[in-house]
Amino acid sequence: MKVKTLEELSKLADYSLVDTLTPDPDARDDGADHYPREVFSGHYVPVNPTPIENPIYIAHSKKFFEELGFDDAMAKSEDFMKMFSGDSSGLPESLKKQGWATGYALSIYGTEYYEQCPFRTGNGYGDGRAVSILEAVINGKRWEMQLKGGGRTPYCRGADGRAVLRSSIREFLAQEHMYALGVPTSRSLTLYTSKTEKVRRPWFRDGSYSRDPEVMIEEDVAITTRVAPSFLRVGQVELFGRRARKKEHTRAMEELEQIVLHVIEREYKEEIEESLPLEKKVVLLAKAFQNRLTSLVADWIRVGYCQGNFNSDNTAVGGFTLDYGPFGFMDMFDPRYQPWTGGGAHFSFLNQPQAAERNFGMFIAALKPLLDADKESQQQLETIEKQFPRVMQGKMIKMWGAKLGLEHFDAELFNDLVTLMVESSVDYTIFFRELSNIPEDISTLKKSFYGDANYNEKLLVRWIEWLERWKTFIDVKTVPEREKLSQKMKKVNPKYTLREWFLVPAYQAAQRGDYTLVHELQEVMNDPYAELSKEMEEKYYRLKPDELFRVAGISYVSCSS
């Protein structure tokens, strides 16, 4: 039976985080907590979202609405639009008028940071513009719904708490695309904008090659609602681990234990028995999270995705993709691909396994204070931490084998391929999709070559030799065998990915009030493995135009994206 009204949705509300964890004792009773301040303790701050002016509907995820059992018409209903554009004033009684924001610590590639906090203490990091407004149990599954751009919270560090239309479209489309790719991710519910409320953001001049934003531009505000089983982050657990380790207040250890048990209840309930002692739960949690995180990163690389800013605070403890800020899907294959102008090689495409290992190390460090009295459990935790590179490598080998259609991975064959891909300036997505057709010769693979590779005879001879070697490994002798392997490879090698140069025209048109391209991208990117119409293929299955390379805002983005 479909949920057709906000009143019906309200009956499914169940606020586990705010009902079981500790609020900030210094929080305001009225939820009007919209200015930066230090938050010394407590798991969350009750805060009212700030509604955007005159909300306008852009899109909702029809696929996710169907999974949730929501009627599509609800996305455009007045009360639903108000709630999910930040207006909590007229909610049904069973829904909380206040939302909540959470704090977390900042670690960059395994190093603790305090300096970016305006108070130099780390007590100002957290959800600066993300406000959770609902937890509900729907069809037996718990979901948390969070407004991105829902206004200031105590963690805003002086910013305006808003998201702009550009970044909101990117996140709205990317989450559902990632889900369609088969990669664990937060989901998109709705996208609303305002044509009367605007903010200023740093950005690039048209056609610029600058690495740094050059001008301030005025942009429409927007709110996208992202949904996940929880929004608990490694950085969140890390914050309480630091406080416990440093004995920052009398309840620090208790709050760490509470947040860890809440993580298990929200994300690992099916894997960890409730009756077990705390120490065993902690060890099992570390093992389970390691499994999810390594699988996630291997999946990112499978589809050509780079997180860009892969800090611990952007790492979901549930092991799914979270926080689509300066992300990017790779065009030309480059192991050092990094879509974010503020990022470095440590968060580049093929360094993501190492970045994940550093984030996992911070998670382990946060758990350790709970095991101070149990040396055996401490040793088990340390062993799990040391196993990360081996587990990660195993997932990567399995992933590369699947992309290549191999029963048994061959390192020499793979390494030679990577060298050829770099030297030939190969389009990552197109190459693996064409390889999935089990080509007779390299003619179709050449569709994926940028630049002069098509005219380099020596390089082409090496490609011919590599393809023949590859065929001896896949060993398909009949047409049915060939077709079976092809279909298997196409399930892991997408035809379409959400490239930045597809997104730019969509959000530029949306700024003018034309949402046609947003809806078109939504349809195409929600079916990324399919063979679509010739028109869609010509438009979205092609090489990046030469003139768009190195252009700011297209080949790379700033954090305001």
Protein backbone atom coordinates (compact mmCIF):
# COMPACT_ATOMS: atom_id res chain seq x y z
CA MET A 1 0.00 0.00 0.00
CA LYS A 2 1.50 3.32 -1.09
CA VAL A 3 2.28 6.21 1.24
CA LYS A 4 0.34 9.07 -0.32
CA THR A 5 0.48 11.85 2.26
CA LEU A 6 2.88 13.36 4.77
CA GLU A 7 0.41 12.36 7.48
CA GLU A 8 0.76 8.70 6.44
CA LEU A 9 4.56 9.03 6.34
CA SER A 10 4.54 10.55 9.82
CA LYS A 11 3.13 7.31 11.24
CA LEU A 12 6.33 5.52 10.22
CA ALA A 13 8.60 7.92 12.12
CA ASP A 14 10.99 6.33 14.62
CA TYR A 15 13.84 8.53 15.88
CA SER A 16 16.45 6.10 17.17
CA LEU A 17 19.39 8.53 17.31
CA VAL A 18 17.75 11.37 19.21
CA ASP A 19 15.72 8.99 21.38
CA THR A 20 18.67 6.87 22.52
CA LEU A 21 21.76 9.09 22.39
CA THR A 22 22.75 12.18 24.35
CA PRO A 23 21.99 15.71 23.16
CA ASP A 24 24.48 18.54 23.58
CA PRO A 25 23.73 19.86 27.11
CA ASP A 26 24.40 23.43 25.95
CA ALA A 27 21.90 23.26 23.07
CA ARG A 28 19.00 25.69 22.92
CA ASP A 29 15.59 24.32 23.78
CA ASP A 30 13.95 26.08 20.84
CA GLY A 31 16.36 24.66 18.21
CA ALA A 32 17.42 28.16 17.06
CA ASP A 33 21.08 27.16 17.18
CA HIS A 34 22.41 28.67 13.97
CA TYR A 35 25.70 30.30 14.90
CA PRO A 36 29.15 28.72 15.17
CA ARG A 37 30.16 27.66 18.64
CA GLU A 38 32.10 24.93 20.38
CA VAL A 39 30.21 21.74 21.12
CA PHE A 40 32.01 19.99 23.97
CA SER A 41 29.90 16.89 24.52
CA GLY A 42 26.74 15.08 23.47
CA HIS A 43 26.11 13.09 20.31
CA TYR A 44 23.99 15.64 18.48
CA VAL A 45 22.68 19.18 18.56
CA PRO A 46 18.92 19.71 18.13
CA VAL A 47 18.56 22.40 15.48
CA ASN A 48 15.76 23.76 13.34
CA PRO A 49 16.36 23.60 9.59
CA THR A 50 16.18 26.94 7.80
CA PRO A 51 13.64 26.81 4.95
CA ILE A 52 14.60 28.05 1.51
CA GLU A 53 12.39 30.77 0.09
CA ASN A 54 9.54 29.84 -2.27
CA PRO A 55 10.62 26.25 -3.02
CA ILE A 56 10.33 25.00 -6.59
CA TYR A 57 10.23 21.32 -7.51
CA ILE A 58 12.98 20.09 -9.83
CA ALA A 59 13.04 16.32 -9.46
CA HIS A 60 12.56 13.32 -7.23
CA SER A 61 13.94 9.80 -7.51
CA LYS A 62 11.06 7.82 -8.97
CA LYS A 63 12.99 4.60 -8.48
CA PHE A 64 13.64 5.29 -4.80
CA PHE A 65 10.07 6.49 -4.24
CA GLU A 66 8.91 3.16 -5.64
CA GLU A 67 11.26 1.22 -3.35
CA LEU A 68 9.97 3.17 -0.35
CA GLY A 69 6.35 2.75 -1.41
CA PHE A 70 5.84 6.51 -1.83
CA ASP A 71 3.31 7.90 -4.28
CA ASP A 72 5.09 10.05 -6.89
CA ALA A 73 2.52 12.82 -6.46
CA MET A 74 3.69 13.35 -2.88
CA ALA A 75 6.95 14.95 -4.11
CA LYS A 76 4.97 17.93 -5.43
CA SER A 77 2.45 18.16 -2.59
CA GLU A 78 2.64 21.38 -0.57
CA ASP A 79 3.26 19.92 2.89
CA PHE A 80 5.87 17.42 1.64
CA MET A 81 7.69 20.14 -0.30
CA LYS A 82 7.71 22.38 2.76
CA MET A 83 9.19 19.70 5.01
CA PHE A 84 11.89 18.69 2.54
CA SER A 85 12.82 22.27 1.72
CA GLY A 86 13.41 23.02 5.42
CA ASP A 87 10.05 24.32 6.70
CA SER A 88 9.12 22.37 9.83
CA SER A 89 6.47 24.77 11.07
CA GLY A 90 3.36 22.85 10.02
CA LEU A 91 4.36 19.23 10.44
CA PRO A 92 2.01 16.53 11.73
CA GLU A 93 2.23 16.04 15.51
CA SER A 94 4.11 12.74 15.32
CA LEU A 95 7.01 14.40 13.44
CA LYS A 96 9.67 16.30 15.37
CA LYS A 97 9.86 19.99 14.56
CA GLN A 98 13.58 20.06 15.32
CA GLY A 99 16.18 18.31 13.24
CA TRP A 100 19.65 17.37 14.43
CA ALA A 101 23.25 17.96 13.43
CA THR A 102 26.26 15.93 14.54
CA GLY A 103 29.90 16.64 15.26
CA TYR A 104 32.92 14.77 14.02
CA ALA A 105 36.70 14.98 14.01
CA LEU A 106 38.87 15.83 11.02
CA SER A 107 41.61 13.51 9.86
CA ILE A 108 43.36 13.89 6.53
CA TYR A 109 45.12 10.77 5.29
CA GLY A 110 45.61 9.46 8.80
CA THR A 111 46.70 12.70 10.47
CA GLU A 112 44.56 14.42 13.11
CA TYR A 113 43.76 18.06 12.44
CA TYR A 114 42.54 20.79 14.76
CA GLU A 115 43.71 23.96 12.98
CA GLN A 116 40.76 24.33 10.59
CA CYS A 117 38.42 24.43 13.55
CA PRO A 118 37.85 28.15 14.34
CA PHE A 119 38.47 27.38 18.02
CA ARG A 120 41.64 25.32 17.33
CA THR A 121 40.19 22.55 19.52
CA GLY A 122 38.33 20.31 17.08
CA ASN A 123 35.05 21.09 18.84
CA GLY A 124 33.72 23.04 15.85
CA TYR A 125 33.79 20.30 13.22
CA GLY A 126 30.56 18.68 12.12
CA ASP A 127 27.44 19.02 10.00
CA GLY A 128 27.69 22.67 9.03
CA ARG A 129 24.90 22.60 6.45
CA ALA A 130 23.43 19.11 6.80
CA VAL A 131 20.38 18.73 9.04
CA SER A 132 18.70 15.38 9.57
CA ILE A 133 14.94 15.80 9.86
CA LEU A 134 13.46 12.31 9.96
CA GLU A 135 14.13 8.72 10.86
CA ALA A 136 11.50 6.26 9.75
CA VAL A 137 11.10 2.50 9.53
CA ILE A 138 9.68 1.80 6.08
CA ASN A 139 8.94 -1.74 4.93
CA GLY A 140 10.98 -3.06 7.83
CA LYS A 141 14.08 -0.97 7.02
CA ARG A 142 15.29 2.10 8.89
CA TRP A 143 16.09 5.24 6.90
CA GLU A 144 17.45 8.60 7.97
CA MET A 145 16.56 11.62 5.85
CA GLN A 146 18.91 14.57 5.79
CA LEU A 147 18.69 17.98 4.15
CA LYS A 148 21.87 19.08 2.38
CA GLY A 149 21.81 22.86 2.46
CA GLY A 150 19.26 23.06 5.26
CA GLY A 151 20.80 26.13 6.89
CA ARG A 152 23.33 26.89 9.57
CA THR A 153 24.12 24.70 12.54
CA PRO A 154 26.62 25.30 15.36
CA TYR A 155 29.19 23.53 13.16
CA CYS A 156 28.86 25.98 10.23
CA ARG A 157 32.16 27.75 11.10
CA GLY A 158 30.81 31.04 9.81
CA ALA A 159 29.42 29.78 6.49
CA ASP A 160 25.84 30.35 5.32
CA GLY A 161 24.62 26.76 5.62
CA ARG A 162 23.32 26.69 2.07
CA ALA A 163 23.96 24.46 -0.91
CA VAL A 164 23.78 25.90 -4.40
CA LEU A 165 21.80 24.53 -7.32
CA ARG A 166 24.96 23.40 -9.12
CA SER A 167 26.24 21.17 -6.32
CA SER A 168 22.75 19.95 -5.43
CA ILE A 169 22.11 18.71 -8.97
CA ARG A 170 25.48 16.94 -8.96
CA GLU A 171 24.73 15.17 -5.67
CA PHE A 172 21.12 14.35 -6.53
CA LEU A 173 22.08 12.69 -9.82
CA ALA A 174 25.29 11.08 -8.55
CA GLN A 175 23.72 9.21 -5.65
CA GLU A 176 21.07 7.50 -7.76
CA HIS A 177 23.60 6.85 -10.54
CA MET A 178 25.96 5.20 -8.06
CA TYR A 179 23.11 3.03 -6.80
CA ALA A 180 22.30 2.00 -10.38
CA LEU A 181 25.98 1.13 -10.88
CA GLY A 182 25.66 -1.33 -7.99
CA VAL A 183 27.92 0.64 -5.65
CA PRO A 184 26.78 1.12 -2.01
CA THR A 185 25.70 4.73 -1.52
CA SER A 186 23.42 7.17 0.20
CA ARG A 187 20.29 7.79 -1.89
CA SER A 188 18.51 10.81 -3.32
CA LEU A 189 14.92 11.57 -2.43
CA THR A 190 14.04 15.05 -3.70
CA LEU A 191 15.56 18.19 -5.18
CA TYR A 192 14.05 21.64 -4.66
CA THR A 193 15.39 25.08 -5.50
CA SER A 194 14.51 28.72 -4.96
CA LYS A 195 14.51 31.46 -7.57
CA THR A 196 14.27 34.21 -4.96
CA GLU A 197 17.00 33.18 -2.51
CA LYS A 198 20.57 33.39 -3.75
CA VAL A 199 24.06 33.13 -2.29
CA ARG A 200 27.51 34.05 -3.52
CA ARG A 201 30.17 31.44 -4.14
CA PRO A 202 33.74 31.45 -5.48
CA TRP A 203 33.94 30.00 -8.99
CA PHE A 204 35.90 30.11 -12.23
CA ARG A 205 35.62 32.44 -15.21
CA ASP A 206 34.14 30.86 -18.35
CA GLY A 207 36.78 28.90 -20.25
CA SER A 208 39.37 29.44 -17.51
CA TYR A 209 42.30 27.11 -16.92
CA SER A 210 42.88 28.41 -13.40
CA ARG A 211 43.27 25.90 -10.59
CA ASP A 212 41.79 28.35 -8.08
CA PRO A 213 38.39 30.08 -8.20
CA GLU A 214 38.75 33.60 -9.59
CA VAL A 215 35.41 35.34 -9.09
CA MET A 216 32.40 35.42 -6.79
CA ILE A 217 29.19 34.45 -8.57
CA GLU A 218 25.56 34.62 -7.48
CA GLU A 219 23.79 31.25 -7.50
CA ASP A 220 20.34 29.91 -6.70
CA VAL A 221 20.12 27.95 -3.45
CA ALA A 222 18.75 24.41 -3.43
CA ILE A 223 18.11 21.56 -1.03
CA THR A 224 18.55 17.92 -1.87
CA THR A 225 17.40 15.29 0.60
CA ARG A 226 19.81 12.41 0.95
CA VAL A 227 18.75 9.18 2.60
CA ALA A 228 20.71 6.36 4.24
CA PRO A 229 20.35 3.78 7.01
CA SER A 230 22.41 6.28 9.03
CA PHE A 231 24.82 9.14 8.43
CA LEU A 232 27.32 7.94 11.03
CA ARG A 233 30.87 8.64 9.91
CA VAL A 234 34.33 7.43 10.85
CA GLY A 235 35.08 11.00 11.88
CA GLN A 236 32.08 10.94 14.21
CA VAL A 237 33.33 7.86 16.08
CA GLU A 238 36.80 9.36 15.96
CA LEU A 239 35.62 12.52 17.74
CA PHE A 240 34.41 10.49 20.71
CA GLY A 241 37.49 8.28 20.60
CA ARG A 242 39.72 11.35 20.88
CA ARG A 243 37.71 12.73 23.77
CA ALA A 244 37.88 9.41 25.60
CA ARG A 245 41.60 9.02 24.94
CA LYS A 246 42.31 12.53 26.23
CA LYS A 247 39.74 12.32 29.05
CA GLU A 248 38.21 15.62 27.91
CA HIS A 249 35.18 15.30 30.17
CA THR A 250 33.78 12.87 32.74
CA ARG A 251 31.35 11.17 30.35
CA ALA A 252 33.75 10.86 27.41
CA MET A 253 34.23 7.09 27.65
CA GLU A 254 30.52 6.54 28.18
CA GLU A 255 29.67 8.63 25.09
CA LEU A 256 32.20 6.68 23.01
CA GLU A 257 30.63 3.39 24.07
CA GLN A 258 27.16 4.71 23.31
CA ILE A 259 28.04 5.87 19.80
CA VAL A 260 29.79 2.59 18.98
CA LEU A 261 26.82 0.54 20.16
CA HIS A 262 24.55 2.82 18.15
CA VAL A 263 26.69 2.22 15.05
CA ILE A 264 26.27 -1.52 15.54
CA GLU A 265 22.53 -1.21 16.06
CA ARG A 266 22.06 0.98 12.99
CA GLU A 267 24.51 -0.60 10.55
CA TYR A 268 25.62 -4.06 11.73
CA LYS A 269 22.66 -5.45 13.64
CA GLU A 270 22.41 -8.49 11.35
CA GLU A 271 26.10 -9.32 11.71
CA ILE A 272 26.81 -8.75 15.42
CA GLU A 273 24.86 -10.50 18.18
CA GLU A 274 23.35 -8.11 20.71
CA SER A 275 24.09 -10.47 23.63
CA LEU A 276 27.87 -10.42 23.10
CA PRO A 277 30.12 -8.47 25.50
CA LEU A 278 31.27 -5.06 24.35
CA GLU A 279 34.86 -6.14 23.62
CA LYS A 280 33.74 -8.86 21.20
CA LYS A 281 31.31 -6.48 19.53
CA VAL A 282 34.11 -3.97 18.94
CA VAL A 283 36.35 -6.57 17.31
CA LEU A 284 33.53 -7.86 15.10
CA LEU A 285 32.63 -4.30 14.13
CA ALA A 286 36.19 -3.62 12.99
CA LYS A 287 36.20 -6.81 10.92
CA ALA A 288 32.82 -6.11 9.34
CA PHE A 289 33.64 -2.50 8.51
CA GLN A 290 36.95 -3.54 6.95
CA ASN A 291 35.06 -5.91 4.67
CA ARG A 292 32.59 -3.24 3.59
CA LEU A 293 35.15 -0.47 3.14
CA THR A 294 37.51 -2.55 1.00
CA SER A 295 34.61 -3.73 -1.17
CA LEU A 296 33.42 -0.15 -1.56
CA VAL A 297 36.77 1.20 -2.73
CA ALA A 298 37.22 -1.66 -5.19
CA ASP A 299 33.77 -0.79 -6.57
CA TRP A 300 34.70 2.88 -6.91
CA ILE A 301 37.70 1.94 -9.01
CA ARG A 302 35.64 -0.53 -11.02
CA VAL A 303 33.36 2.27 -12.25
CA GLY A 304 36.02 4.99 -12.57
CA TYR A 305 34.90 7.04 -9.57
CA CYS A 306 37.22 9.20 -7.46
CA GLN A 307 35.98 10.53 -4.12
CA GLY A 308 38.29 13.55 -4.34
CA ASN A 309 38.17 14.44 -0.65
CA PHE A 310 38.38 11.05 1.05
CA ASN A 311 38.87 12.19 4.64
CA SER A 312 37.66 10.15 7.61
CA ASP A 313 34.72 12.53 8.07
CA ASN A 314 33.61 11.67 4.50
CA THR A 315 33.73 7.95 5.23
CA ALA A 316 30.45 6.33 6.26
CA VAL A 317 30.82 3.70 8.99
CA GLY A 318 28.15 1.75 7.11
CA GLY A 319 30.61 1.28 4.26
CA PHE A 320 28.79 3.20 1.54
CA THR A 321 29.57 6.27 -0.58
CA LEU A 322 28.80 9.46 1.32
CA ASP A 323 29.12 13.19 0.70
CA TYR A 324 29.36 13.91 -3.01
CA GLY A 325 31.44 17.05 -2.83
CA PRO A 326 34.42 17.28 -5.21
CA PHE A 327 33.88 13.82 -6.74
CA GLY A 328 34.49 12.88 -10.36
CA PHE A 329 34.08 10.06 -12.86
CA MET A 330 37.26 9.66 -14.87
CA ASP A 331 37.39 10.26 -18.62
CA MET A 332 40.95 9.64 -19.78
CA PHE A 333 42.61 6.93 -17.69
CA ASP A 334 45.11 8.37 -15.25
CA PRO A 335 46.13 6.52 -12.06
CA ARG A 336 46.72 9.96 -10.49
CA TYR A 337 43.35 11.40 -11.53
CA GLN A 338 42.07 13.85 -8.90
CA PRO A 339 38.93 15.93 -9.65
CA TRP A 340 39.39 18.34 -6.73
CA THR A 341 41.63 21.38 -7.05
CA GLY A 342 42.28 21.30 -3.30
CA GLY A 343 43.17 17.61 -3.22
CA GLY A 344 46.48 15.91 -3.75
CA ALA A 345 47.92 12.62 -4.93
CA HIS A 346 46.94 11.02 -1.61
CA PHE A 347 43.28 11.11 -2.70
CA SER A 348 43.91 10.33 -6.37
CA PHE A 349 42.15 7.54 -8.25
CA LEU A 350 44.44 4.55 -7.71
CA ASN A 351 45.57 5.78 -4.30
CA GLN A 352 42.07 5.38 -2.88
CA PRO A 353 42.92 1.96 -1.36
CA GLN A 354 45.75 3.58 0.59
CA ALA A 355 43.52 6.47 1.67
CA ALA A 356 40.92 3.94 2.84
CA GLU A 357 43.60 2.19 4.87
CA ARG A 358 44.48 5.46 6.60
CA ASN A 359 40.82 6.16 7.39
CA PHE A 360 40.41 2.63 8.69
CA GLY A 361 43.43 3.19 10.91
CA MET A 362 41.73 6.23 12.44
CA PHE A 363 38.61 4.15 13.06
CA ILE A 364 40.67 1.51 14.85
CA ALA A 365 42.37 4.19 16.96
CA ALA A 366 38.94 5.52 17.96
CA LEU A 367 37.83 2.08 19.14
CA LYS A 368 40.94 1.31 21.18
CA PRO A 369 39.99 3.21 24.36
CA LEU A 370 37.07 0.78 24.79
CA LEU A 371 39.53 -2.12 25.02
CA ASP A 372 42.02 -0.69 27.53
CA ALA A 373 41.27 -3.47 30.00
CA ASP A 374 41.27 -6.34 27.49
CA LYS A 375 44.70 -7.08 26.02
CA GLU A 376 43.47 -10.00 23.93
CA SER A 377 40.85 -7.89 22.19
CA GLN A 378 43.42 -5.13 21.65
CA GLN A 379 45.68 -7.61 19.88
CA GLN A 380 42.78 -8.83 17.74
CA LEU A 381 42.01 -5.25 16.77
CA GLU A 382 45.64 -4.61 15.83
CA THR A 383 45.71 -7.81 13.76
CA ILE A 384 42.62 -6.70 11.85
CA GLU A 385 44.24 -3.34 11.18
CA LYS A 386 47.40 -5.01 9.82
CA GLN A 387 45.31 -7.22 7.55
CA PHE A 388 43.81 -4.27 5.70
CA PRO A 389 46.33 -4.15 2.80
CA ARG A 390 45.97 -7.89 2.17
CA VAL A 391 42.17 -7.75 2.25
CA MET A 392 42.16 -4.67 0.02
CA GLN A 393 44.51 -6.26 -2.47
CA GLY A 394 42.30 -9.35 -2.62
CA LYS A 395 39.24 -7.25 -3.44
CA MET A 396 41.17 -5.30 -6.09
CA ILE A 397 42.44 -8.46 -7.79
CA LYS A 398 38.92 -9.89 -7.86
CA MET A 399 37.57 -6.62 -9.28
CA TRP A 400 40.19 -6.31 -12.02
CA GLY A 401 39.68 -9.95 -12.92
CA ALA A 402 35.94 -9.34 -13.31
CA LYS A 403 36.49 -6.26 -15.50
CA LEU A 404 38.78 -8.30 -17.73
CA GLY A 405 36.55 -11.38 -17.77
CA LEU A 406 39.29 -13.55 -16.24
CA GLU A 407 38.73 -16.62 -14.14
CA HIS A 408 42.27 -16.26 -12.81
CA PHE A 409 43.90 -12.85 -12.53
CA ASP A 410 47.27 -12.46 -14.25
CA ALA A 411 49.43 -9.65 -12.90
CA GLU A 412 51.69 -9.39 -15.96
CA LEU A 413 48.75 -9.14 -18.36
CA PHE A 414 47.14 -6.49 -16.16
CA ASN A 415 50.30 -4.43 -15.68
CA ASP A 416 50.97 -4.42 -19.43
CA LEU A 417 47.40 -3.24 -19.98
CA VAL A 418 47.75 -0.36 -17.51
CA THR A 419 50.93 0.76 -19.28
CA LEU A 420 49.20 0.66 -22.65
CA MET A 421 46.16 2.51 -21.33
CA VAL A 422 48.31 5.34 -20.00
CA GLU A 423 50.48 5.58 -23.13
CA SER A 424 47.42 5.52 -25.41
CA SER A 425 45.38 8.02 -23.37
CA VAL A 426 42.46 5.61 -23.16
CA ASP A 427 38.95 6.53 -22.08
CA TYR A 428 38.43 4.32 -19.02
CA THR A 429 34.71 3.60 -19.37
CA ILE A 430 34.60 3.22 -23.16
CA PHE A 431 37.64 0.93 -23.26
CA PHE A 432 36.31 -1.62 -20.78
CA ARG A 433 32.83 -1.52 -22.32
CA GLU A 434 34.26 -2.19 -25.79
CA LEU A 435 36.46 -4.97 -24.39
CA SER A 436 33.28 -6.50 -22.97
CA ASN A 437 32.15 -7.10 -26.57
CA ILE A 438 35.07 -9.57 -26.93
CA PRO A 439 36.38 -7.84 -30.07
CA GLU A 440 37.96 -9.77 -32.93
CA ASP A 441 40.58 -7.06 -33.39
CA ILE A 442 41.52 -3.66 -31.93
CA SER A 443 39.35 -1.60 -34.29
CA THR A 444 36.53 -1.10 -31.78
CA LEU A 445 38.95 -0.60 -28.89
CA LYS A 446 40.37 2.36 -30.83
CA LYS A 447 37.06 4.16 -30.16
CA SER A 448 38.41 4.73 -26.65
CA PHE A 449 41.75 6.28 -27.70
CA TYR A 450 42.32 10.00 -27.24
CA GLY A 451 44.98 11.94 -29.09
CA ASP A 452 47.46 10.38 -31.49
CA ALA A 453 47.37 6.77 -30.32
CA ASN A 454 45.37 5.72 -33.39
CA TYR A 455 48.28 6.76 -35.62
CA ASN A 456 51.14 5.33 -33.60
CA GLU A 457 52.02 2.09 -35.42
CA LYS A 458 54.33 0.75 -32.71
CA LEU A 459 51.69 1.33 -30.06
CA LEU A 460 49.01 -0.32 -32.18
CA VAL A 461 51.21 -3.41 -32.67
CA ARG A 462 51.56 -3.69 -28.89
CA TRP A 463 47.78 -3.43 -28.55
CA ILE A 464 47.31 -6.23 -31.10
CA GLU A 465 49.76 -8.41 -29.17
CA TRP A 466 48.07 -7.65 -25.85
CA LEU A 467 44.61 -8.46 -27.23
CA GLU A 468 45.81 -11.81 -28.55
CA ARG A 469 47.36 -12.64 -25.17
CA TRP A 470 44.11 -11.66 -23.42
CA LYS A 471 42.15 -13.99 -25.69
CA THR A 472 44.30 -16.93 -24.62
CA PHE A 473 43.33 -16.19 -21.01
CA ILE A 474 39.56 -15.91 -21.57
CA ASP A 475 39.63 -18.97 -23.88
CA VAL A 476 36.17 -18.72 -25.45
CA LYS A 477 35.82 -21.13 -28.36
CA THR A 478 32.16 -20.96 -29.30
CA VAL A 479 29.65 -18.20 -30.00
CA PRO A 480 27.51 -19.07 -26.92
CA GLU A 481 30.61 -19.00 -24.68
CA ARG A 482 31.58 -15.66 -26.15
CA GLU A 483 28.12 -14.20 -25.64
CA LYS A 484 27.94 -15.49 -22.07
CA LEU A 485 31.27 -13.92 -21.12
CA SER A 486 30.34 -10.69 -22.88
CA GLN A 487 27.14 -10.34 -20.89
CA LYS A 488 29.00 -11.15 -17.68
CA MET A 489 31.60 -8.45 -18.36
CA LYS A 490 28.94 -5.89 -19.27
CA LYS A 491 27.42 -6.30 -15.82
CA VAL A 492 30.60 -4.91 -14.24
CA ASN A 493 31.70 -2.51 -17.00
CA PRO A 494 29.09 0.26 -17.36
CA LYS A 495 28.35 1.93 -20.66
CA TYR A 496 27.47 5.28 -19.11
CA THR A 497 29.02 7.22 -16.25
CA LEU A 498 28.13 10.66 -14.91
CA ARG A 499 30.94 12.70 -16.41
CA GLU A 500 31.34 16.32 -15.35
CA TRP A 501 30.96 17.63 -18.89
CA PHE A 502 27.46 16.10 -18.95
CA LEU A 503 26.60 17.78 -15.67
CA VAL A 504 27.71 21.30 -16.56
CA PRO A 505 25.12 21.94 -19.32
CA ALA A 506 22.43 20.42 -17.08
CA TYR A 507 23.04 22.72 -14.13
CA GLN A 508 23.59 25.73 -16.39
CA ALA A 509 20.18 25.14 -18.00
CA ALA A 510 18.65 24.58 -14.57
CA GLN A 511 19.94 27.97 -13.47
CA ARG A 512 17.78 29.37 -16.28
CA GLY A 513 14.77 27.35 -15.07
CA ASP A 514 15.09 24.59 -17.69
CA TYR A 515 15.29 21.16 -16.03
CA THR A 516 15.05 19.07 -19.21
CA LEU A 517 18.69 17.94 -19.14
CA VAL A 518 18.50 17.10 -15.43
CA HIS A 519 15.59 14.75 -16.16
CA GLU A 520 17.34 13.29 -19.22
CA LEU A 521 20.50 12.58 -17.26
CA GLN A 522 18.38 11.06 -14.52
CA GLU A 523 16.92 8.56 -17.02
CA VAL A 524 20.22 7.70 -18.71
CA MET A 525 22.34 7.45 -15.57
CA ASN A 526 19.76 5.34 -13.76
CA ASP A 527 20.33 2.61 -16.37
CA PRO A 528 24.10 2.73 -16.88
CA TYR A 529 24.63 -0.84 -18.12
CA ALA A 530 21.87 -0.79 -20.74
CA GLU A 531 22.02 -0.40 -24.49
CA LEU A 532 19.94 2.73 -24.99
CA SER A 533 18.67 4.44 -28.11
CA LYS A 534 21.06 5.52 -30.87
CA GLU A 535 20.35 9.15 -29.97
CA MET A 536 21.33 8.66 -26.31
CA GLU A 537 24.37 6.61 -27.29
CA GLU A 538 25.66 9.33 -29.63
CA LYS A 539 25.13 11.91 -26.93
CA TYR A 540 26.47 10.12 -23.84
CA TYR A 541 28.75 7.31 -25.07
CA ARG A 542 31.58 9.28 -26.62
CA LEU A 543 34.99 10.71 -25.94
CA LYS A 544 35.35 13.96 -24.07
CA PRO A 545 35.82 16.80 -26.58
CA ASP A 546 39.43 18.01 -26.75
CA GLU A 547 38.46 21.62 -26.05
CA LEU A 548 37.02 20.66 -22.64
CA PHE A 549 40.23 19.18 -21.26
CA ARG A 550 41.91 21.25 -18.53
CA VAL A 551 38.98 23.68 -18.42
CA ALA A 552 38.13 24.77 -14.86
CA GLY A 553 34.77 23.60 -13.57
CA ILE A 554 34.70 20.78 -16.13
CA SER A 555 37.99 18.89 -15.86
CA TYR A 556 38.31 19.73 -12.18
CA VAL A 557 36.17 21.41 -9.56
CA SER A 558 36.59 23.38 -6.36
CA CYS A 559 35.17 22.36 -3.01
CA SER A 560 32.23 24.74 -3.51
CA SER A 561 31.04 22.22 -6.09
